[in-house]
Amino acid sequence: MTIDTAIDRGDHATAMADWDALRRHYDTWSALVHLRFAQDTTDAQAKADRDYADALAPEAAELETGLPESAFPVGCPWTFDQAMQDDA
């Protein structure tokens, strides 16, 4: 099930758990890309990878702030913490 499908079905706990896993995966990847570049700033591939990660950063930030608004519309009783507790 995709995050959008879970949201459409009202399955907020699944949507938030899937989003959190995706966000963590992206954050880890981005950190490793920047670390690899810092280890050797002369590596052309590391620089290209860092430039790509830097280009994705604004989109990732926009998605990170946009999903909770779409997943939890105004008046929705769910919070991220509640979704995580219910999923456990």
N, C-alpha and C. Protein backbone atom coordinates (compact mmCIF):
# COMPACT_ATOMS: atom_id res chain seq x y z
N MET A 1 0.85 -1.18 0.00
CA MET A 1 0.00 0.00 0.00
C MET A 1 0.90 1.24 0.00
N THR A 2 0.54 2.22 -0.80
CA THR A 2 1.30 3.46 -0.82
C THR A 2 0.82 4.38 0.29
N ILE A 3 1.60 5.39 0.56
CA ILE A 3 1.24 6.36 1.59
C ILE A 3 -0.07 7.05 1.20
N ASP A 4 -0.18 7.44 -0.06
CA ASP A 4 -1.41 8.09 -0.53
C ASP A 4 -2.62 7.19 -0.36
N THR A 5 -2.46 5.90 -0.66
CA THR A 5 -3.57 4.96 -0.50
C THR A 5 -3.99 4.86 0.95
N ALA A 6 -3.01 4.78 1.84
CA ALA A 6 -3.31 4.70 3.27
C ALA A 6 -4.05 5.94 3.74
N ILE A 7 -3.62 7.11 3.26
CA ILE A 7 -4.29 8.36 3.63
C ILE A 7 -5.73 8.35 3.12
N ASP A 8 -5.90 7.96 1.85
CA ASP A 8 -7.25 7.92 1.25
C ASP A 8 -8.17 6.98 2.00
N ARG A 9 -7.62 5.88 2.52
CA ARG A 9 -8.42 4.90 3.27
C ARG A 9 -8.64 5.33 4.71
N GLY A 10 -7.99 6.41 5.13
CA GLY A 10 -8.12 6.86 6.52
C GLY A 10 -7.22 6.08 7.47
N ASP A 11 -6.28 5.33 6.94
CA ASP A 11 -5.35 4.54 7.76
C ASP A 11 -4.15 5.41 8.12
N HIS A 12 -4.38 6.33 9.05
CA HIS A 12 -3.36 7.32 9.40
C HIS A 12 -2.14 6.70 10.05
N ALA A 13 -2.31 5.66 10.83
CA ALA A 13 -1.17 5.03 11.49
C ALA A 13 -0.21 4.43 10.45
N THR A 14 -0.75 3.76 9.46
CA THR A 14 0.09 3.18 8.41
C THR A 14 0.75 4.27 7.58
N ALA A 15 -0.01 5.29 7.24
CA ALA A 15 0.55 6.39 6.45
C ALA A 15 1.72 7.04 7.18
N MET A 16 1.56 7.31 8.45
CA MET A 16 2.63 7.96 9.20
C MET A 16 3.82 7.03 9.41
N ALA A 17 3.57 5.76 9.65
CA ALA A 17 4.67 4.80 9.83
C ALA A 17 5.46 4.66 8.53
N ASP A 18 4.75 4.57 7.39
CA ASP A 18 5.42 4.46 6.10
C ASP A 18 6.19 5.74 5.77
N TRP A 19 5.57 6.88 6.05
CA TRP A 19 6.25 8.15 5.81
C TRP A 19 7.50 8.27 6.68
N ASP A 20 7.40 7.89 7.93
CA ASP A 20 8.55 7.97 8.83
C ASP A 20 9.69 7.07 8.34
N ALA A 21 9.37 5.89 7.88
CA ALA A 21 10.40 4.97 7.36
C ALA A 21 11.06 5.57 6.11
N LEU A 22 10.26 6.13 5.22
CA LEU A 22 10.80 6.74 4.01
C LEU A 22 11.67 7.95 4.35
N ARG A 23 11.21 8.78 5.26
CA ARG A 23 11.96 9.96 5.68
C ARG A 23 13.30 9.57 6.30
N ARG A 24 13.28 8.56 7.15
CA ARG A 24 14.52 8.09 7.79
C ARG A 24 15.50 7.53 6.74
N HIS A 25 14.97 6.80 5.77
CA HIS A 25 15.82 6.26 4.71
C HIS A 25 16.48 7.39 3.92
N TYR A 26 15.70 8.39 3.55
CA TYR A 26 16.24 9.54 2.82
C TYR A 26 17.28 10.28 3.66
N ASP A 27 16.98 10.53 4.93
CA ASP A 27 17.92 11.25 5.80
C ASP A 27 19.24 10.50 5.94
N THR A 28 19.16 9.18 6.08
CA THR A 28 20.37 8.37 6.19
C THR A 28 21.18 8.44 4.90
N TRP A 29 20.50 8.26 3.76
CA TRP A 29 21.18 8.34 2.47
C TRP A 29 21.86 9.70 2.30
N SER A 30 21.15 10.77 2.59
CA SER A 30 21.70 12.11 2.43
C SER A 30 22.92 12.32 3.33
N ALA A 31 22.84 11.87 4.56
CA ALA A 31 23.96 12.01 5.49
C ALA A 31 25.18 11.24 4.99
N LEU A 32 24.96 10.03 4.47
CA LEU A 32 26.07 9.24 3.96
C LEU A 32 26.70 9.88 2.72
N VAL A 33 25.88 10.44 1.85
CA VAL A 33 26.39 11.12 0.67
C VAL A 33 27.28 12.29 1.08
N HIS A 34 26.82 13.08 2.03
CA HIS A 34 27.61 14.21 2.48
C HIS A 34 28.89 13.76 3.20
N LEU A 35 28.79 12.69 3.94
CA LEU A 35 29.97 12.15 4.62
C LEU A 35 31.01 11.67 3.61
N ARG A 36 30.56 10.95 2.60
CA ARG A 36 31.50 10.45 1.58
C ARG A 36 32.21 11.61 0.87
N PHE A 37 31.48 12.68 0.62
CA PHE A 37 32.11 13.84 -0.01
C PHE A 37 33.12 14.48 0.94
N ALA A 38 32.76 14.60 2.21
CA ALA A 38 33.66 15.21 3.19
C ALA A 38 34.94 14.39 3.36
N GLN A 39 34.84 13.09 3.18
CA GLN A 39 36.02 12.23 3.31
C GLN A 39 37.00 12.44 2.16
N ASP A 40 36.50 12.78 0.98
CA ASP A 40 37.38 13.00 -0.17
C ASP A 40 36.72 13.99 -1.11
N THR A 41 37.05 15.26 -0.94
CA THR A 41 36.43 16.31 -1.74
C THR A 41 36.93 16.34 -3.18
N THR A 42 37.93 15.51 -3.49
CA THR A 42 38.42 15.45 -4.87
C THR A 42 37.73 14.36 -5.68
N ASP A 43 36.90 13.54 -5.05
CA ASP A 43 36.20 12.44 -5.73
C ASP A 43 35.03 13.02 -6.54
N ALA A 44 35.14 12.90 -7.86
CA ALA A 44 34.12 13.48 -8.75
C ALA A 44 32.75 12.86 -8.53
N GLN A 45 32.68 11.55 -8.30
CA GLN A 45 31.39 10.89 -8.07
C GLN A 45 30.77 11.35 -6.75
N ALA A 46 31.60 11.49 -5.72
CA ALA A 46 31.10 11.96 -4.43
C ALA A 46 30.55 13.38 -4.55
N LYS A 47 31.23 14.22 -5.35
CA LYS A 47 30.74 15.58 -5.55
C LYS A 47 29.42 15.57 -6.31
N ALA A 48 29.35 14.74 -7.36
CA ALA A 48 28.10 14.65 -8.14
C ALA A 48 26.96 14.16 -7.26
N ASP A 49 27.24 13.17 -6.42
CA ASP A 49 26.21 12.64 -5.51
C ASP A 49 25.77 13.71 -4.52
N ARG A 50 26.74 14.47 -4.00
CA ARG A 50 26.39 15.53 -3.04
C ARG A 50 25.54 16.60 -3.72
N ASP A 51 25.92 16.97 -4.94
CA ASP A 51 25.14 17.98 -5.67
C ASP A 51 23.71 17.49 -5.91
N TYR A 52 23.55 16.21 -6.21
CA TYR A 52 22.22 15.63 -6.41
C TYR A 52 21.42 15.68 -5.10
N ALA A 53 22.06 15.28 -4.01
CA ALA A 53 21.39 15.32 -2.70
C ALA A 53 20.99 16.75 -2.34
N ASP A 54 21.88 17.70 -2.62
CA ASP A 54 21.56 19.10 -2.34
C ASP A 54 20.39 19.60 -3.19
N ALA A 55 20.32 19.11 -4.43
CA ALA A 55 19.21 19.52 -5.30
C ALA A 55 17.88 18.94 -4.81
N LEU A 56 17.92 17.74 -4.22
CA LEU A 56 16.69 17.11 -3.70
C LEU A 56 16.24 17.70 -2.37
N ALA A 57 17.13 18.31 -1.63
CA ALA A 57 16.83 18.77 -0.27
C ALA A 57 15.60 19.68 -0.18
N PRO A 58 15.44 20.69 -1.05
CA PRO A 58 14.23 21.52 -0.95
C PRO A 58 12.94 20.73 -1.16
N GLU A 59 12.95 19.79 -2.10
CA GLU A 59 11.76 18.96 -2.33
C GLU A 59 11.47 18.08 -1.12
N ALA A 60 12.51 17.51 -0.55
CA ALA A 60 12.34 16.67 0.63
C ALA A 60 11.77 17.48 1.79
N ALA A 61 12.28 18.69 1.97
CA ALA A 61 11.78 19.54 3.05
C ALA A 61 10.32 19.91 2.83
N GLU A 62 9.96 20.19 1.58
CA GLU A 62 8.57 20.52 1.27
C GLU A 62 7.65 19.34 1.53
N LEU A 63 8.09 18.15 1.14
CA LEU A 63 7.28 16.95 1.40
C LEU A 63 7.15 16.69 2.90
N GLU A 64 8.23 16.93 3.63
CA GLU A 64 8.20 16.66 5.06
C GLU A 64 7.19 17.55 5.78
N THR A 65 7.07 18.78 5.34
CA THR A 65 6.09 19.67 5.97
C THR A 65 4.70 19.51 5.38
N GLY A 66 4.61 19.00 4.15
CA GLY A 66 3.32 18.88 3.49
C GLY A 66 2.54 17.63 3.83
N LEU A 67 3.21 16.53 4.07
CA LEU A 67 2.48 15.29 4.34
C LEU A 67 1.62 15.37 5.58
N PRO A 68 2.15 15.81 6.71
CA PRO A 68 1.28 15.84 7.89
C PRO A 68 0.01 16.66 7.67
N GLU A 69 0.10 17.74 6.89
CA GLU A 69 -1.09 18.55 6.63
C GLU A 69 -2.11 17.77 5.81
N SER A 70 -1.64 16.99 4.85
CA SER A 70 -2.58 16.24 4.02
C SER A 70 -3.07 14.98 4.72
N ALA A 71 -2.21 14.38 5.54
CA ALA A 71 -2.59 13.15 6.22
C ALA A 71 -3.51 13.42 7.40
N PHE A 72 -3.33 14.57 8.01
CA PHE A 72 -4.10 14.91 9.20
C PHE A 72 -4.76 16.27 9.00
N PRO A 73 -5.87 16.29 8.30
CA PRO A 73 -6.53 17.56 8.05
C PRO A 73 -6.98 18.23 9.34
N VAL A 74 -7.26 19.51 9.24
CA VAL A 74 -7.72 20.27 10.40
C VAL A 74 -8.92 19.57 11.03
N GLY A 75 -8.89 19.41 12.32
CA GLY A 75 -9.97 18.75 13.03
C GLY A 75 -9.77 17.26 13.21
N CYS A 76 -8.78 16.69 12.55
CA CYS A 76 -8.51 15.26 12.70
C CYS A 76 -7.95 15.01 14.10
N PRO A 77 -8.47 14.02 14.81
CA PRO A 77 -8.04 13.79 16.19
C PRO A 77 -6.68 13.12 16.30
N TRP A 78 -6.10 12.68 15.21
CA TRP A 78 -4.83 11.97 15.24
C TRP A 78 -3.65 12.91 15.36
N THR A 79 -2.62 12.43 16.02
CA THR A 79 -1.33 13.11 16.01
C THR A 79 -0.29 12.08 15.62
N PHE A 80 0.89 12.52 15.29
CA PHE A 80 1.96 11.60 14.92
C PHE A 80 2.24 10.63 16.07
N ASP A 81 2.32 11.13 17.29
CA ASP A 81 2.60 10.26 18.44
C ASP A 81 1.51 9.21 18.61
N GLN A 82 0.27 9.58 18.43
CA GLN A 82 -0.82 8.62 18.55
C GLN A 82 -0.73 7.56 17.46
N ALA A 83 -0.37 7.97 16.26
CA ALA A 83 -0.24 7.02 15.15
C ALA A 83 0.86 6.00 15.45
N MET A 84 1.95 6.47 16.01
CA MET A 84 3.06 5.57 16.31
C MET A 84 2.69 4.61 17.47
N GLN A 85 1.96 5.11 18.45
CA GLN A 85 1.54 4.26 19.57
C GLN A 85 0.55 3.20 19.11
N ASP A 86 -0.36 3.59 18.26
CA ASP A 86 -1.37 2.65 17.76
C ASP A 86 -0.75 1.58 16.88
N ASP A 87 0.33 1.94 16.21
CA ASP A 87 1.00 1.00 15.31
C ASP A 87 1.84 0.00 16.08
N ALA A 88 2.24 0.33 17.28
CA ALA A 88 3.14 -0.55 18.08
C ALA A 88 2.42 -1.77 18.60
